Protein backbone atom coordinates (compact mmCIF):
# COMPACT_ATOMS: atom_id res chain seq x y z
CA MET A 1 87.44 109.25 90.52
CA ALA A 2 89.43 111.67 92.63
CA LYS A 3 91.89 114.17 91.16
CA ILE A 4 95.48 113.87 92.37
CA LEU A 5 98.12 116.59 92.02
CA ILE A 6 101.75 115.41 92.08
CA VAL A 7 104.24 118.13 92.99
CA GLU A 8 107.61 116.48 92.37
CA ASP A 9 110.62 117.92 90.54
CA GLU A 10 112.17 114.55 89.61
CA PHE A 11 110.45 113.79 86.30
CA ALA A 12 111.02 110.03 86.42
CA ILE A 13 109.50 109.69 89.91
CA SER A 14 106.55 111.86 88.94
CA GLN A 15 105.90 109.78 85.83
CA VAL A 16 105.99 106.50 87.74
CA LEU A 17 103.53 107.82 90.33
CA LYS A 18 101.29 109.16 87.57
CA ALA A 19 101.26 105.80 85.79
CA TYR A 20 100.35 103.84 88.92
CA LEU A 21 97.66 106.30 90.02
CA LYS A 22 96.08 106.46 86.56
CA LYS A 23 96.11 102.66 86.42
CA VAL A 24 93.67 102.51 89.36
CA GLY A 25 91.48 105.23 87.87
CA TYR A 26 92.64 108.52 89.38
CA ASP A 27 92.77 111.72 87.33
CA VAL A 28 96.38 112.92 87.70
CA MET A 29 97.94 116.36 87.25
CA GLN A 30 101.64 117.20 87.62
CA CYS A 31 103.71 120.16 88.74
CA PHE A 32 107.53 120.14 88.78
CA ASN A 33 108.25 123.46 90.49
CA GLY A 34 107.44 124.67 94.01
CA GLY A 35 107.05 128.22 92.77
CA GLN A 36 104.19 127.20 90.51
CA ALA A 37 102.55 124.69 92.86
CA LEU A 38 99.97 127.00 94.47
CA THR A 39 98.83 128.34 91.09
CA VAL A 40 98.44 124.83 89.69
CA PHE A 41 96.63 123.75 92.87
CA GLN A 42 94.14 126.61 92.59
CA GLU A 43 93.55 125.92 88.91
CA CYS A 44 92.94 122.17 89.15
CA GLN A 45 91.34 121.97 92.64
CA PRO A 46 92.61 118.44 93.40
CA ASP A 47 91.16 116.04 95.95
CA LEU A 48 94.66 115.16 97.23
CA VAL A 49 98.23 116.42 96.79
CA LEU A 50 101.44 114.37 96.75
CA LEU A 51 104.00 116.99 97.73
CA ASP A 52 107.77 116.64 97.62
CA ILE A 53 109.79 118.65 100.14
CA MET A 54 112.93 119.41 98.14
CA LEU A 55 111.57 121.53 95.27
CA PRO A 56 113.12 124.31 93.16
CA GLU A 57 112.20 127.95 93.92
CA LYS A 58 109.97 127.10 96.89
CA ASN A 59 110.25 124.06 99.17
CA GLY A 60 107.41 121.76 100.14
CA TRP A 61 107.04 123.22 103.63
CA ARG A 62 106.26 126.63 102.13
CA VAL A 63 103.86 125.14 99.59
CA LEU A 64 102.12 123.21 102.37
CA GLU A 65 101.74 126.38 104.41
CA GLU A 66 100.29 128.31 101.46
CA ILE A 67 97.78 125.58 100.63
CA ARG A 68 96.71 125.33 104.28
CA ASP A 69 95.99 129.07 104.31
CA THR A 70 93.02 128.46 102.03
CA SER A 71 92.27 124.73 101.88
CA SER A 72 91.94 121.57 103.96
CA CYS A 73 92.73 119.37 100.93
CA PRO A 74 94.54 116.17 102.03
CA ILE A 75 98.32 116.37 101.51
CA ILE A 76 100.86 113.54 101.61
CA MET A 77 104.49 114.63 101.91
CA LEU A 78 107.16 112.89 99.81
CA THR A 79 110.75 113.21 100.93
CA ALA A 80 114.11 111.50 101.11
CA LEU A 81 114.55 112.91 104.62
CA GLY A 82 114.03 109.98 106.97
CA ASP A 83 114.47 111.78 110.28
CA VAL A 84 111.30 111.60 112.39
CA ASN A 85 111.64 115.30 113.23
CA TYR A 86 110.86 116.18 109.62
CA ARG A 87 107.84 113.91 109.79
CA LEU A 88 106.57 115.68 112.91
CA GLU A 89 107.23 119.07 111.32
CA GLY A 90 105.03 118.10 108.41
CA PHE A 91 102.23 116.90 110.69
CA ASP A 92 102.51 120.07 112.76
CA GLN A 93 102.01 122.17 109.62
CA GLY A 94 98.95 120.19 108.59
CA ALA A 95 100.19 117.29 106.44
CA ASP A 96 97.96 114.22 106.47
CA ASP A 97 100.60 111.56 105.84
CA TYR A 98 104.29 111.17 105.08
CA ILE A 99 106.12 108.78 102.75
CA ALA A 100 109.90 108.53 102.76
CA LYS A 101 111.90 107.82 99.60
CA PRO A 102 112.72 105.35 98.24
CA PHE A 103 109.19 104.02 98.19
CA ILE A 104 107.22 101.36 96.35
CA ALA A 105 104.66 102.91 94.01
CA ASP A 106 101.97 100.42 95.10
CA GLU A 107 102.48 101.62 98.68
CA VAL A 108 101.89 105.22 97.61
CA VAL A 109 98.66 104.20 95.89
CA ALA A 110 97.53 102.39 99.04
CA ARG A 111 98.31 105.42 101.22
CA VAL A 112 96.47 107.72 98.79
CA LYS A 113 93.40 105.50 99.05
CA ALA A 114 93.65 105.45 102.86
CA VAL A 115 93.95 109.23 103.20
CA LEU A 116 91.08 109.85 100.78
CA ARG A 117 88.98 107.32 102.71
CA ARG A 118 89.71 109.14 105.97
CA ALA A 119 88.93 112.50 104.37
CA LYS A 120 85.61 111.22 103.07
CA GLY A 121 84.84 109.59 106.39
CA ASN A 122 82.42 106.84 107.27
CA HIS A 123 80.65 108.42 110.21
CA SER A 124 76.92 108.08 110.70
CA ALA A 125 74.85 111.21 110.27
CA VAL A 126 74.93 112.90 113.65
CA GLU A 127 74.85 116.53 114.68
CA LYS A 128 76.56 117.36 117.95
CA LYS A 129 76.23 120.63 119.83
CA PHE A 130 78.36 121.57 122.81
CA GLY A 131 77.47 125.16 123.61
CA GLY A 132 78.90 127.31 120.84
CA LEU A 133 80.55 124.31 119.16
CA GLU A 134 78.44 122.56 116.50
CA ILE A 135 79.70 119.46 114.69
CA ASP A 136 77.92 117.90 111.72
CA THR A 137 79.51 114.48 111.24
CA LYS A 138 77.68 113.85 107.97
CA ALA A 139 78.66 117.11 106.29
CA HIS A 140 82.05 117.13 108.08
CA ARG A 141 81.36 120.72 109.09
CA VAL A 142 82.38 122.44 112.31
CA LEU A 143 80.94 125.74 113.52
CA LEU A 144 82.15 127.74 116.49
CA ASN A 145 79.91 130.58 117.62
CA GLY A 146 78.26 130.52 114.22
CA GLU A 147 81.52 130.72 112.23
CA GLU A 148 82.81 127.75 110.25
CA ILE A 149 86.14 126.34 111.43
CA ILE A 150 88.35 124.95 108.66
CA LEU A 151 90.33 121.90 109.79
CA THR A 152 92.62 119.52 107.94
CA PRO A 153 91.17 116.04 107.32
CA ARG A 154 93.59 114.59 109.88
CA ASP A 155 92.52 117.01 112.64
CA LEU A 156 88.85 116.88 111.67
CA SER A 157 88.82 113.09 111.93
CA VAL A 158 90.15 113.30 115.49
CA LEU A 159 87.53 115.88 116.50
CA LEU A 160 84.70 113.89 114.89
CA PHE A 161 85.70 110.75 116.74
CA LEU A 162 86.03 112.48 120.12
CA ALA A 163 82.70 114.24 119.58
CA GLU A 164 81.01 110.90 118.97
CA HIS A 165 82.41 109.63 122.29
CA PRO A 166 82.25 112.59 124.71
CA ASN A 167 83.75 112.16 128.17
CA GLN A 168 85.53 108.97 127.11
CA THR A 169 89.31 108.79 127.31
CA PHE A 170 91.42 107.38 124.48
CA THR A 171 95.14 106.67 124.39
CA ARG A 172 97.27 107.75 121.44
CA ASP A 173 97.32 104.16 120.16
CA GLN A 174 93.55 103.88 120.40
CA LEU A 175 93.08 107.11 118.46
CA ILE A 176 95.50 105.93 115.77
CA GLU A 177 93.67 102.61 115.48
CA GLN A 178 90.14 104.03 115.57
CA VAL A 179 90.67 107.23 113.58
CA TRP A 180 93.55 106.73 111.14
CA GLY A 181 93.78 102.95 111.01
CA TRP A 182 96.81 100.74 111.47
CA GLU A 183 97.98 101.45 107.91
CA TYR A 184 99.12 104.77 109.37
CA ASP A 185 102.91 104.81 109.47
CA GLY A 186 104.10 107.62 111.69
CA SER A 187 104.97 108.67 115.20
CA ASP A 188 102.20 108.68 117.82
CA ARG A 189 103.35 112.24 118.50
CA ALA A 190 101.18 113.15 115.51
CA VAL A 191 98.18 112.68 117.81
CA ASP A 192 99.59 115.27 120.21
CA LEU A 193 100.12 117.69 117.34
CA ALA A 194 96.56 117.17 116.06
CA VAL A 195 95.17 117.92 119.53
CA LYS A 196 97.42 120.98 119.81
CA ARG A 197 96.06 122.36 116.52
CA LEU A 198 92.46 121.58 117.51
CA ARG A 199 92.86 123.47 120.76
CA LYS A 200 94.25 126.45 118.86
CA ALA A 201 91.35 126.35 116.39
CA LEU A 202 88.86 126.17 119.29
CA THR A 203 90.44 128.97 121.34
CA ASP A 204 87.12 130.84 121.49
CA TRP A 205 85.15 127.82 122.69
CA ASP A 206 83.80 128.70 126.13
CA GLU A 207 85.50 126.38 128.62
CA THR A 208 82.22 126.00 130.51
CA ASP A 209 80.82 124.26 127.42
CA GLY A 210 83.71 121.83 127.10
CA GLU A 211 87.35 121.27 126.25
CA ILE A 212 89.74 118.72 124.81
CA LYS A 213 91.31 117.48 128.00
CA THR A 214 94.59 115.66 128.58
CA LEU A 215 94.49 113.01 131.27
CA ARG A 216 98.12 112.48 132.15
CA GLY A 217 99.20 108.90 131.62
CA LEU A 218 95.81 107.99 130.12
CA GLY A 219 95.10 109.98 126.96
CA TYR A 220 92.66 112.53 125.57
CA GLN A 221 88.94 113.14 125.83
CA LEU A 222 86.35 115.68 124.71
CA SER A 223 85.19 116.71 128.16
CA VAL A 224 81.73 118.30 128.23
CA PRO A 225 79.22 118.95 131.04
CA LYS A 226 76.80 116.09 131.64
CA ARG A 227 73.29 117.36 131.27
């Protein structure tokens, strides 16, 4: 079973989450301090992180940023801040999901399963090549001009889906339904942020080989030359 790291300074909340996650078979580790989170993460190499925002010494945004510097491990943010702007900030920095407190522990378990399922993926084994961009949907590996591009599971899932349907346009709602599933509970602006990060990661992709195009009023597509 997958390893889950809980980074939460409220001991009671952390213990409840640990109990529910262990009940369904996950291996659970805990950290109660933002200042120690990166060290614990590197030591235990979890498959997913539940990360609180309000932490002592170092807040969750900083921890998220530090993890994203070296890893695409799925991260679900936990916070009492209900404002959608905080949710978008987390997605923009590379979070994979967001759960606002107070929450039901069973819901957290369900969201953990959903994010891990997305990270693992269920794509058929297909290798796509668009000029200098190579996408292996089985290995979930992306190369640009021979160099591997590290993407978060959320962004990678969008790119994999678009690559499997080149020159087809999808609305935000269609991407949410097809890529993240309707259990996703967040603003459709998260799609825009994922595309923004993908474009940044693919800055060196020759535009004659393709691009992620916005069709105003319609949606997004991976636009590539028809050969």
